[in-house]
Amino acid sequence: MVRKTNGRTNGQPSAGYVKSLDKALALLEYIGEMDDGLQLSDLSQRAGLPPSTAHRLLTTLERRRFVQFDNSSRRWCIGVQAFTVGSAFLPRRDLIRSALPFMRQLMEESGETVNLAVESNGEAVFLAHVESHEMMRASSRPGSRVPLHGSGVGKALLSTMSEREVTRILHKHGLRRLTPNTIVSPSELRVALVEVRERGFAFDNEEHAFGVRCVAAPIFDERGEAVAAISLLGPTPRISEERAGELGARVRRAARLITSELGGLMAAPVSA
């Protein structure tokens, strides 16, 4: 459901750039995308590397336990050290720990999956989720990324940014069409962001994926700046446009409660 974009490619390499390290980290990111790992041929193709180079880098990562090789499937998978290092991010600001009780409550109230995401390098990155109990449900895996313009959490986060910051992100990432409903016009996106600010939540009407709708609202810190967004998503038949208002109010309330738990301020002035 989620497109892969590496955050490392943003212009010419800066001073101190280490090409081999960049390639190794790229391999680690590709492996992290897939729950069951990837074979060497797939990894080398995705990274644009000769198999011998990819294998050398993977072997180095394996020695540090960032990846591991599954002999039965012949696939490279994420290793325990990647989890150990990655989990060091989670306690930052206690965001996930503070949000999870309200996410669970929102899931129980709505019956739909609830996600927590932050902005990173012009994209939304999912940090945690509480899955719906329904057999038919939608979900976004922690660590996956989505475009800001084509997702509920993304539009919620964009709505808190200045016009200058929105323009910078659009210039860098563009407005790629993901479905026929994706907003691909800058002027239409800006109108949509005004609506998000007015009602306090964003609505993703199958703009990121067919058959999935989403409502989302931003979470703020003590300076009134958005630090995350919470979203509720599910199959289109259950999240009708008529029900979107009710669910949006629930998501907005959950965002306010999490903001309060963090000691944040809901007021987030947007200036050019």
C-alpha atoms as a PDB file:
ATOM      1  CA  MET A   1       0.000   0.000   0.000  1.00  0.00           C
ATOM      2  CA  VAL A   2       2.909   2.324   0.549  1.00  0.00           C
ATOM      3  CA  ARG A   3       5.454   3.718  -1.886  1.00  0.00           C
ATOM      4  CA  LYS A   4       9.151   3.500  -1.061  1.00  0.00           C
ATOM      5  CA  THR A   5      11.180   6.692  -1.120  1.00  0.00           C
ATOM      6  CA  ASN A   6      14.689   6.951   0.266  1.00  0.00           C
ATOM      7  CA  GLY A   7      15.329  10.175   2.127  1.00  0.00           C
ATOM      8  CA  ARG A   8      19.002  10.139   1.256  1.00  0.00           C
ATOM      9  CA  THR A   9      18.716  11.513  -2.287  1.00  0.00           C
ATOM     10  CA  ASN A  10      18.144  15.245  -1.937  1.00  0.00           C
ATOM     11  CA  GLY A  11      20.666  16.888  -4.220  1.00  0.00           C
ATOM     12  CA  GLN A  12      24.413  16.541  -4.469  1.00  0.00           C
ATOM     13  CA  PRO A  13      26.215  14.663  -1.680  1.00  0.00           C
ATOM     14  CA  SER A  14      27.518  16.967   1.008  1.00  0.00           C
ATOM     15  CA  ALA A  15      31.007  17.009   2.447  1.00  0.00           C
ATOM     16  CA  GLY A  16      31.674  13.880   4.458  1.00  0.00           C
ATOM     17  CA  TYR A  17      29.323  11.774   2.345  1.00  0.00           C
ATOM     18  CA  VAL A  18      30.290   8.074   2.406  1.00  0.00           C
ATOM     19  CA  LYS A  19      28.979   6.301  -0.681  1.00  0.00           C
ATOM     20  CA  SER A  20      29.383   2.741   0.585  1.00  0.00           C
ATOM     21  CA  LEU A  21      27.556   3.554   3.808  1.00  0.00           C
ATOM     22  CA  ASP A  22      24.746   5.166   1.843  1.00  0.00           C
ATOM     23  CA  LYS A  23      24.391   2.022  -0.268  1.00  0.00           C
ATOM     24  CA  ALA A  24      24.380  -0.237   2.789  1.00  0.00           C
ATOM     25  CA  LEU A  25      21.692   1.845   4.455  1.00  0.00           C
ATOM     26  CA  ALA A  26      19.653   1.771   1.267  1.00  0.00           C
ATOM     27  CA  LEU A  27      19.768  -2.031   1.332  1.00  0.00           C
ATOM     28  CA  LEU A  28      18.660  -1.974   4.957  1.00  0.00           C
ATOM     29  CA  GLU A  29      15.702   0.249   4.058  1.00  0.00           C
ATOM     30  CA  TYR A  30      14.626  -2.022   1.196  1.00  0.00           C
ATOM     31  CA  ILE A  31      14.739  -5.064   3.462  1.00  0.00           C
ATOM     32  CA  GLY A  32      12.748  -3.186   6.091  1.00  0.00           C
ATOM     33  CA  GLU A  33       9.947  -2.665   3.571  1.00  0.00           C
ATOM     34  CA  MET A  34       9.164  -6.372   3.329  1.00  0.00           C
ATOM     35  CA  ASP A  35       7.985  -8.459   6.259  1.00  0.00           C
ATOM     36  CA  ASP A  36       9.524 -11.631   4.801  1.00  0.00           C
ATOM     37  CA  GLY A  37      12.716 -10.025   3.482  1.00  0.00           C
ATOM     38  CA  LEU A  38      14.175  -9.996  -0.035  1.00  0.00           C
ATOM     39  CA  GLN A  39      16.455 -12.218  -2.070  1.00  0.00           C
ATOM     40  CA  LEU A  40      19.848 -10.954  -3.203  1.00  0.00           C
ATOM     41  CA  SER A  41      18.749 -10.574  -6.837  1.00  0.00           C
ATOM     42  CA  ASP A  42      15.805  -8.360  -5.842  1.00  0.00           C
ATOM     43  CA  LEU A  43      17.943  -6.263  -3.520  1.00  0.00           C
ATOM     44  CA  SER A  44      20.686  -5.685  -6.043  1.00  0.00           C
ATOM     45  CA  GLN A  45      18.130  -4.701  -8.689  1.00  0.00           C
ATOM     46  CA  ARG A  46      16.317  -2.258  -6.410  1.00  0.00           C
ATOM     47  CA  ALA A  47      19.529  -0.659  -5.229  1.00  0.00           C
ATOM     48  CA  GLY A  48      21.079  -0.603  -8.700  1.00  0.00           C
ATOM     49  CA  LEU A  49      24.106  -2.541  -7.473  1.00  0.00           C
ATOM     50  CA  PRO A  50      26.008  -5.549  -8.846  1.00  0.00           C
ATOM     51  CA  PRO A  51      25.049  -8.683  -6.858  1.00  0.00           C
ATOM     52  CA  SER A  52      28.646  -9.040  -5.647  1.00  0.00           C
ATOM     53  CA  THR A  53      28.634  -5.493  -4.215  1.00  0.00           C
ATOM     54  CA  ALA A  54      25.242  -5.956  -2.617  1.00  0.00           C
ATOM     55  CA  HIS A  55      26.346  -9.262  -1.057  1.00  0.00           C
ATOM     56  CA  ARG A  56      29.496  -7.674   0.351  1.00  0.00           C
ATOM     57  CA  LEU A  57      27.499  -4.886   1.989  1.00  0.00           C
ATOM     58  CA  LEU A  58      24.894  -7.309   3.309  1.00  0.00           C
ATOM     59  CA  THR A  59      27.588  -9.516   4.816  1.00  0.00           C
ATOM     60  CA  THR A  60      28.981  -6.506   6.657  1.00  0.00           C
ATOM     61  CA  LEU A  61      25.516  -5.614   7.955  1.00  0.00           C
ATOM     62  CA  GLU A  62      25.026  -9.241   8.986  1.00  0.00           C
ATOM     63  CA  ARG A  63      28.220  -9.201  11.063  1.00  0.00           C
ATOM     64  CA  ARG A  64      26.761  -6.230  12.983  1.00  0.00           C
ATOM     65  CA  ARG A  65      23.404  -8.063  13.256  1.00  0.00           C
ATOM     66  CA  PHE A  66      21.496  -5.396  11.326  1.00  0.00           C
ATOM     67  CA  VAL A  67      20.363  -8.069   8.853  1.00  0.00           C
ATOM     68  CA  GLN A  68      20.230 -11.850   8.875  1.00  0.00           C
ATOM     69  CA  PHE A  69      20.141 -14.448   6.117  1.00  0.00           C
ATOM     70  CA  ASP A  70      17.366 -17.057   6.087  1.00  0.00           C
ATOM     71  CA  ASN A  71      18.847 -20.199   4.526  1.00  0.00           C
ATOM     72  CA  SER A  72      15.466 -21.825   3.929  1.00  0.00           C
ATOM     73  CA  SER A  73      13.981 -18.971   1.897  1.00  0.00           C
ATOM     74  CA  ARG A  74      17.305 -17.561   0.643  1.00  0.00           C
ATOM     75  CA  ARG A  75      16.133 -14.141   1.770  1.00  0.00           C
ATOM     76  CA  TRP A  76      17.797 -11.340   3.670  1.00  0.00           C
ATOM     77  CA  CYS A  77      15.710 -10.147   6.627  1.00  0.00           C
ATOM     78  CA  ILE A  78      15.942  -7.423   9.264  1.00  0.00           C
ATOM     79  CA  GLY A  79      18.208  -8.298  12.183  1.00  0.00           C
ATOM     80  CA  VAL A  80      17.818  -7.640  15.871  1.00  0.00           C
ATOM     81  CA  GLN A  81      20.320  -4.773  15.936  1.00  0.00           C
ATOM     82  CA  ALA A  82      18.181  -2.780  13.506  1.00  0.00           C
ATOM     83  CA  PHE A  83      15.311  -3.058  15.980  1.00  0.00           C
ATOM     84  CA  THR A  84      17.573  -2.128  18.903  1.00  0.00           C
ATOM     85  CA  VAL A  85      18.835   1.005  17.186  1.00  0.00           C
ATOM     86  CA  GLY A  86      15.454   1.932  15.727  1.00  0.00           C
ATOM     87  CA  SER A  87      13.661   1.564  19.038  1.00  0.00           C
ATOM     88  CA  ALA A  88      15.899   4.285  20.494  1.00  0.00           C
ATOM     89  CA  PHE A  89      13.736   6.752  18.555  1.00  0.00           C
ATOM     90  CA  LEU A  90      10.507   5.678  20.208  1.00  0.00           C
ATOM     91  CA  PRO A  91      10.958   7.231  23.658  1.00  0.00           C
ATOM     92  CA  ARG A  92      11.596  10.672  22.115  1.00  0.00           C
ATOM     93  CA  ARG A  93       9.087  13.028  23.709  1.00  0.00           C
ATOM     94  CA  ASP A  94       7.193   9.912  24.834  1.00  0.00           C
ATOM     95  CA  LEU A  95       4.989  10.506  21.808  1.00  0.00           C
ATOM     96  CA  ILE A  96       4.029   6.903  21.148  1.00  0.00           C
ATOM     97  CA  ARG A  97       3.580   6.015  24.806  1.00  0.00           C
ATOM     98  CA  SER A  98       1.392   9.080  25.332  1.00  0.00           C
ATOM     99  CA  ALA A  99      -0.656   8.488  22.191  1.00  0.00           C
ATOM    100  CA  LEU A 100      -1.327   4.743  22.437  1.00  0.00           C
ATOM    101  CA  PRO A 101      -4.069   4.831  25.139  1.00  0.00           C
ATOM    102  CA  PHE A 102      -6.043   7.375  23.112  1.00  0.00           C
ATOM    103  CA  MET A 103      -5.396   5.436  19.909  1.00  0.00           C
ATOM    104  CA  ARG A 104      -6.781   2.275  21.509  1.00  0.00           C
ATOM    105  CA  GLN A 105      -9.832   4.154  22.760  1.00  0.00           C
ATOM    106  CA  LEU A 106     -10.443   5.634  19.314  1.00  0.00           C
ATOM    107  CA  MET A 107     -10.155   2.211  17.688  1.00  0.00           C
ATOM    108  CA  GLU A 108     -12.683   0.744  20.114  1.00  0.00           C
ATOM    109  CA  GLU A 109     -15.097   3.650  19.581  1.00  0.00           C
ATOM    110  CA  SER A 110     -14.882   3.604  15.795  1.00  0.00           C
ATOM    111  CA  GLY A 111     -14.051  -0.014  15.050  1.00  0.00           C
ATOM    112  CA  GLU A 112     -11.370   1.106  12.580  1.00  0.00           C
ATOM    113  CA  THR A 113      -7.562   1.018  12.530  1.00  0.00           C
ATOM    114  CA  VAL A 114      -5.819   4.032  14.098  1.00  0.00           C
ATOM    115  CA  ASN A 115      -2.351   5.231  13.045  1.00  0.00           C
ATOM    116  CA  LEU A 116       0.236   7.675  14.367  1.00  0.00           C
ATOM    117  CA  ALA A 117       2.571   9.407  11.894  1.00  0.00           C
ATOM    118  CA  VAL A 118       5.194  12.166  11.772  1.00  0.00           C
ATOM    119  CA  GLU A 119       6.612  14.259   8.941  1.00  0.00           C
ATOM    120  CA  SER A 120      10.102  13.328   7.761  1.00  0.00           C
ATOM    121  CA  ASN A 121      11.870  14.767   4.740  1.00  0.00           C
ATOM    122  CA  GLY A 122       8.631  15.863   3.127  1.00  0.00           C
ATOM    123  CA  GLU A 123       6.768  12.579   3.660  1.00  0.00           C
ATOM    124  CA  ALA A 124       4.645  11.066   6.415  1.00  0.00           C
ATOM    125  CA  VAL A 125       6.212   8.159   8.317  1.00  0.00           C
ATOM    126  CA  PHE A 126       4.015   5.863  10.402  1.00  0.00           C
ATOM    127  CA  LEU A 127       5.265   5.221  13.929  1.00  0.00           C
ATOM    128  CA  ALA A 128       2.557   3.051  15.473  1.00  0.00           C
ATOM    129  CA  HIS A 129      -0.899   1.667  14.860  1.00  0.00           C
ATOM    130  CA  VAL A 130      -3.770  -0.018  16.683  1.00  0.00           C
ATOM    131  CA  GLU A 131      -5.458  -2.417  14.296  1.00  0.00           C
ATOM    132  CA  SER A 132      -9.187  -2.851  13.907  1.00  0.00           C
ATOM    133  CA  HIS A 133     -10.769  -6.105  15.098  1.00  0.00           C
ATOM    134  CA  GLU A 134     -12.739  -6.354  11.856  1.00  0.00           C
ATOM    135  CA  MET A 135     -11.827  -9.114   9.398  1.00  0.00           C
ATOM    136  CA  MET A 136     -11.841  -6.568   6.576  1.00  0.00           C
ATOM    137  CA  ARG A 137      -9.536  -3.763   7.707  1.00  0.00           C
ATOM    138  CA  ALA A 138      -6.948  -1.321   6.422  1.00  0.00           C
ATOM    139  CA  SER A 139      -3.553  -0.769   7.986  1.00  0.00           C
ATOM    140  CA  SER A 140      -0.270   1.107   7.497  1.00  0.00           C
ATOM    141  CA  ARG A 141       2.816  -0.685   8.787  1.00  0.00           C
ATOM    142  CA  PRO A 142       5.053   1.269  11.216  1.00  0.00           C
ATOM    143  CA  GLY A 143       8.071   2.565   9.328  1.00  0.00           C
ATOM    144  CA  SER A 144       6.224   2.882   6.025  1.00  0.00           C
ATOM    145  CA  ARG A 145       5.992   6.227   4.226  1.00  0.00           C
ATOM    146  CA  VAL A 146       3.235   8.008   2.328  1.00  0.00           C
ATOM    147  CA  PRO A 147       3.218  11.248   0.317  1.00  0.00           C
ATOM    148  CA  LEU A 148       1.918  14.252   2.200  1.00  0.00           C
ATOM    149  CA  HIS A 149      -0.387  15.400  -0.600  1.00  0.00           C
ATOM    150  CA  GLY A 150      -1.973  11.985  -1.085  1.00  0.00           C
ATOM    151  CA  SER A 151      -2.810  10.878   2.445  1.00  0.00           C
ATOM    152  CA  GLY A 152      -4.962  11.897   5.384  1.00  0.00           C
ATOM    153  CA  VAL A 153      -2.067  12.220   7.818  1.00  0.00           C
ATOM    154  CA  GLY A 154      -0.093  14.091   5.178  1.00  0.00           C
ATOM    155  CA  LYS A 155      -2.785  16.672   4.532  1.00  0.00           C
ATOM    156  CA  ALA A 156      -3.321  17.088   8.270  1.00  0.00           C
ATOM    157  CA  LEU A 157       0.383  17.859   8.683  1.00  0.00           C
ATOM    158  CA  LEU A 158       0.538  20.103   5.601  1.00  0.00           C
ATOM    159  CA  SER A 159      -2.387  22.140   6.937  1.00  0.00           C
ATOM    160  CA  THR A 160      -0.243  23.323   9.858  1.00  0.00           C
ATOM    161  CA  MET A 161       2.670  24.480   7.696  1.00  0.00           C
ATOM    162  CA  SER A 162       3.376  27.908   6.283  1.00  0.00           C
ATOM    163  CA  GLU A 163       2.759  28.617   2.601  1.00  0.00           C
ATOM    164  CA  ARG A 164       6.516  28.768   2.102  1.00  0.00           C
ATOM    165  CA  GLU A 165       7.053  25.320   3.608  1.00  0.00           C
ATOM    166  CA  VAL A 166       4.190  23.800   1.601  1.00  0.00           C
ATOM    167  CA  THR A 167       5.647  25.272  -1.602  1.00  0.00           C
ATOM    168  CA  ARG A 168       9.090  23.877  -0.759  1.00  0.00           C
ATOM    169  CA  ILE A 169       7.710  20.370  -0.218  1.00  0.00           C
ATOM    170  CA  LEU A 170       5.624  20.459  -3.401  1.00  0.00           C
ATOM    171  CA  HIS A 171       8.610  21.674  -5.387  1.00  0.00           C
ATOM    172  CA  LYS A 172      10.781  18.866  -4.040  1.00  0.00           C
ATOM    173  CA  HIS A 173       8.340  15.956  -4.172  1.00  0.00           C
ATOM    174  CA  GLY A 174       5.767  17.033  -6.732  1.00  0.00           C
ATOM    175  CA  LEU A 175       2.145  15.882  -6.787  1.00  0.00           C
ATOM    176  CA  ARG A 176       2.315  12.326  -8.050  1.00  0.00           C
ATOM    177  CA  ARG A 177      -1.021  10.736  -8.959  1.00  0.00           C
ATOM    178  CA  LEU A 178      -1.623   7.623  -6.865  1.00  0.00           C
ATOM    179  CA  THR A 179      -5.287   7.045  -7.745  1.00  0.00           C
ATOM    180  CA  PRO A 180      -7.832   8.929  -9.888  1.00  0.00           C
ATOM    181  CA  ASN A 181      -8.843  10.781  -6.695  1.00  0.00           C
ATOM    182  CA  THR A 182      -5.360  12.054  -5.805  1.00  0.00           C
ATOM    183  CA  ILE A 183      -5.056  15.839  -5.750  1.00  0.00           C
ATOM    184  CA  VAL A 184      -2.431  16.742  -8.358  1.00  0.00           C
ATOM    185  CA  SER A 185      -3.098  20.462  -8.692  1.00  0.00           C
ATOM    186  CA  PRO A 186      -1.251  22.845  -6.307  1.00  0.00           C
ATOM    187  CA  SER A 187      -4.208  25.235  -6.269  1.00  0.00           C
ATOM    188  CA  GLU A 188      -6.666  22.430  -5.462  1.00  0.00           C
ATOM    189  CA  LEU A 189      -4.383  21.161  -2.713  1.00  0.00           C
ATOM    190  CA  ARG A 190      -4.237  24.611  -1.131  1.00  0.00           C
ATOM    191  CA  VAL A 191      -8.042  24.840  -1.184  1.00  0.00           C
ATOM    192  CA  ALA A 192      -8.187  21.415   0.472  1.00  0.00           C
ATOM    193  CA  LEU A 193      -5.750  22.545   3.174  1.00  0.00           C
ATOM    194  CA  VAL A 194      -7.937  25.562   3.948  1.00  0.00           C
ATOM    195  CA  GLU A 195     -10.846  23.143   4.467  1.00  0.00           C
ATOM    196  CA  VAL A 196      -8.698  20.996   6.766  1.00  0.00           C
ATOM    197  CA  ARG A 197      -7.858  24.025   8.909  1.00  0.00           C
ATOM    198  CA  GLU A 198     -11.502  25.090   9.085  1.00  0.00           C
ATOM    199  CA  ARG A 199     -12.926  21.736  10.178  1.00  0.00           C
ATOM    200  CA  GLY A 200      -9.894  20.517  12.137  1.00  0.00           C
ATOM    201  CA  PHE A 201      -9.377  17.224  10.320  1.00  0.00           C
ATOM    202  CA  ALA A 202      -8.346  15.926   6.901  1.00  0.00           C
ATOM    203  CA  PHE A 203     -10.301  13.496   4.731  1.00  0.00           C
ATOM    204  CA  ASP A 204      -8.592  11.076   2.338  1.00  0.00           C
ATOM    205  CA  ASN A 205     -11.242   9.930  -0.122  1.00  0.00           C
ATOM    206  CA  GLU A 206      -9.416   6.999  -1.754  1.00  0.00           C
ATOM    207  CA  GLU A 207      -6.624   9.405  -2.679  1.00  0.00           C
ATOM    208  CA  HIS A 208      -3.820   7.076  -1.623  1.00  0.00           C
ATOM    209  CA  ALA A 209      -5.311   3.647  -2.267  1.00  0.00           C
ATOM    210  CA  PHE A 210      -8.444   2.212  -3.844  1.00  0.00           C
ATOM    211  CA  GLY A 211     -11.075   1.065  -1.388  1.00  0.00           C
ATOM    212  CA  VAL A 212      -9.612   2.927   1.600  1.00  0.00           C
ATOM    213  CA  ARG A 213     -10.736   6.162   3.208  1.00  0.00           C
ATOM    214  CA  CYS A 214      -9.103   8.006   6.078  1.00  0.00           C
ATOM    215  CA  VAL A 215      -9.680  10.907   8.456  1.00  0.00           C
ATOM    216  CA  ALA A 216      -6.753  12.513  10.302  1.00  0.00           C
ATOM    217  CA  ALA A 217      -5.906  15.392  12.628  1.00  0.00           C
ATOM    218  CA  PRO A 218      -2.641  17.009  13.767  1.00  0.00           C
ATOM    219  CA  ILE A 219      -1.045  16.775  17.221  1.00  0.00           C
ATOM    220  CA  PHE A 220       0.829  19.801  18.603  1.00  0.00           C
ATOM    221  CA  ASP A 221       3.707  20.455  20.995  1.00  0.00           C
ATOM    222  CA  GLU A 222       4.126  23.138  23.648  1.00  0.00           C
ATOM    223  CA  ARG A 223       5.006  25.719  20.972  1.00  0.00           C
ATOM    224  CA  GLY A 224       1.850  25.037  19.009  1.00  0.00           C
ATOM    225  CA  GLU A 225       3.816  23.273  16.266  1.00  0.00           C
ATOM    226  CA  ALA A 226       2.594  20.010  14.757  1.00  0.00           C
ATOM    227  CA  VAL A 227       4.711  17.056  15.863  1.00  0.00           C
ATOM    228  CA  ALA A 228       2.512  14.245  14.530  1.00  0.00           C
ATOM    229  CA  ALA A 229      -0.879  13.317  13.157  1.00  0.00           C
ATOM    230  CA  ILE A 230      -3.359  10.657  14.182  1.00  0.00           C
ATOM    231  CA  SER A 231      -5.530   8.962  11.591  1.00  0.00           C
ATOM    232  CA  LEU A 232      -8.393   6.534  11.399  1.00  0.00           C
ATOM    233  CA  LEU A 233      -8.694   4.453   8.242  1.00  0.00           C
ATOM    234  CA  GLY A 234     -10.825   1.677   6.938  1.00  0.00           C
ATOM    235  CA  PRO A 235     -12.609   0.197   3.919  1.00  0.00           C
ATOM    236  CA  THR A 236     -14.608   2.689   1.880  1.00  0.00           C
ATOM    237  CA  PRO A 237     -18.013   1.028   2.529  1.00  0.00           C
ATOM    238  CA  ARG A 238     -17.606   1.516   6.295  1.00  0.00           C
ATOM    239  CA  ILE A 239     -16.205   5.058   6.094  1.00  0.00           C
ATOM    240  CA  SER A 240     -18.902   6.689   4.038  1.00  0.00           C
ATOM    241  CA  GLU A 241     -18.758  10.380   3.244  1.00  0.00           C
ATOM    242  CA  GLU A 242     -21.759  10.826   5.552  1.00  0.00           C
ATOM    243  CA  ARG A 243     -19.904   9.132   8.420  1.00  0.00           C
ATOM    244  CA  ALA A 244     -16.680  11.059   7.773  1.00  0.00           C
ATOM    245  CA  GLY A 245     -17.896  14.060   9.787  1.00  0.00           C
ATOM    246  CA  GLU A 246     -18.642  11.957  12.858  1.00  0.00           C
ATOM    247  CA  LEU A 247     -15.344  10.080  12.619  1.00  0.00           C
ATOM    248  CA  GLY A 248     -13.467  13.313  11.950  1.00  0.00           C
ATOM    249  CA  ALA A 249     -14.830  14.776  15.185  1.00  0.00           C
ATOM    250  CA  ARG A 250     -13.635  11.680  17.059  1.00  0.00           C
ATOM    251  CA  VAL A 251     -10.165  11.893  15.514  1.00  0.00           C
ATOM    252  CA  ARG A 252      -9.958  15.621  16.244  1.00  0.00           C
ATOM    253  CA  ARG A 253     -10.895  14.964  19.886  1.00  0.00           C
ATOM    254  CA  ALA A 254      -8.246  12.225  20.176  1.00  0.00           C
ATOM    255  CA  ALA A 255      -5.645  14.594  18.707  1.00  0.00           C
ATOM    256  CA  ARG A 256      -6.574  17.232  21.271  1.00  0.00           C
ATOM    257  CA  LEU A 257      -6.308  14.738  24.131  1.00  0.00           C
ATOM    258  CA  ILE A 258      -2.879  13.585  22.974  1.00  0.00           C
ATOM    259  CA  THR A 259      -1.783  17.200  22.553  1.00  0.00           C
ATOM    260  CA  SER A 260      -2.898  17.901  26.124  1.00  0.00           C
ATOM    261  CA  GLU A 261      -1.108  14.781  27.378  1.00  0.00           C
ATOM    262  CA  LEU A 262       2.096  16.079  25.765  1.00  0.00           C
ATOM    263  CA  GLY A 263       1.628  19.512  27.317  1.00  0.00           C
ATOM    264  CA  GLY A 264       0.992  20.973  23.874  1.00  0.00           C
ATOM    265  CA  LEU A 265      -1.074  23.855  22.581  1.00  0.00           C
ATOM    266  CA  MET A 266      -3.760  23.396  19.942  1.00  0.00           C
ATOM    267  CA  ALA A 267      -3.273  26.911  18.562  1.00  0.00           C
ATOM    268  CA  ALA A 268      -0.904  26.620  15.612  1.00  0.00           C
ATOM    269  CA  PRO A 269      -0.802  29.849  13.602  1.00  0.00           C
ATOM    270  CA  VAL A 270      -0.016  29.407   9.922  1.00  0.00           C
ATOM    271  CA  SER A 271       1.911  32.237   8.269  1.00  0.00           C
ATOM    272  CA  ALA A 272       3.473  32.714   4.868  1.00  0.00           C
END
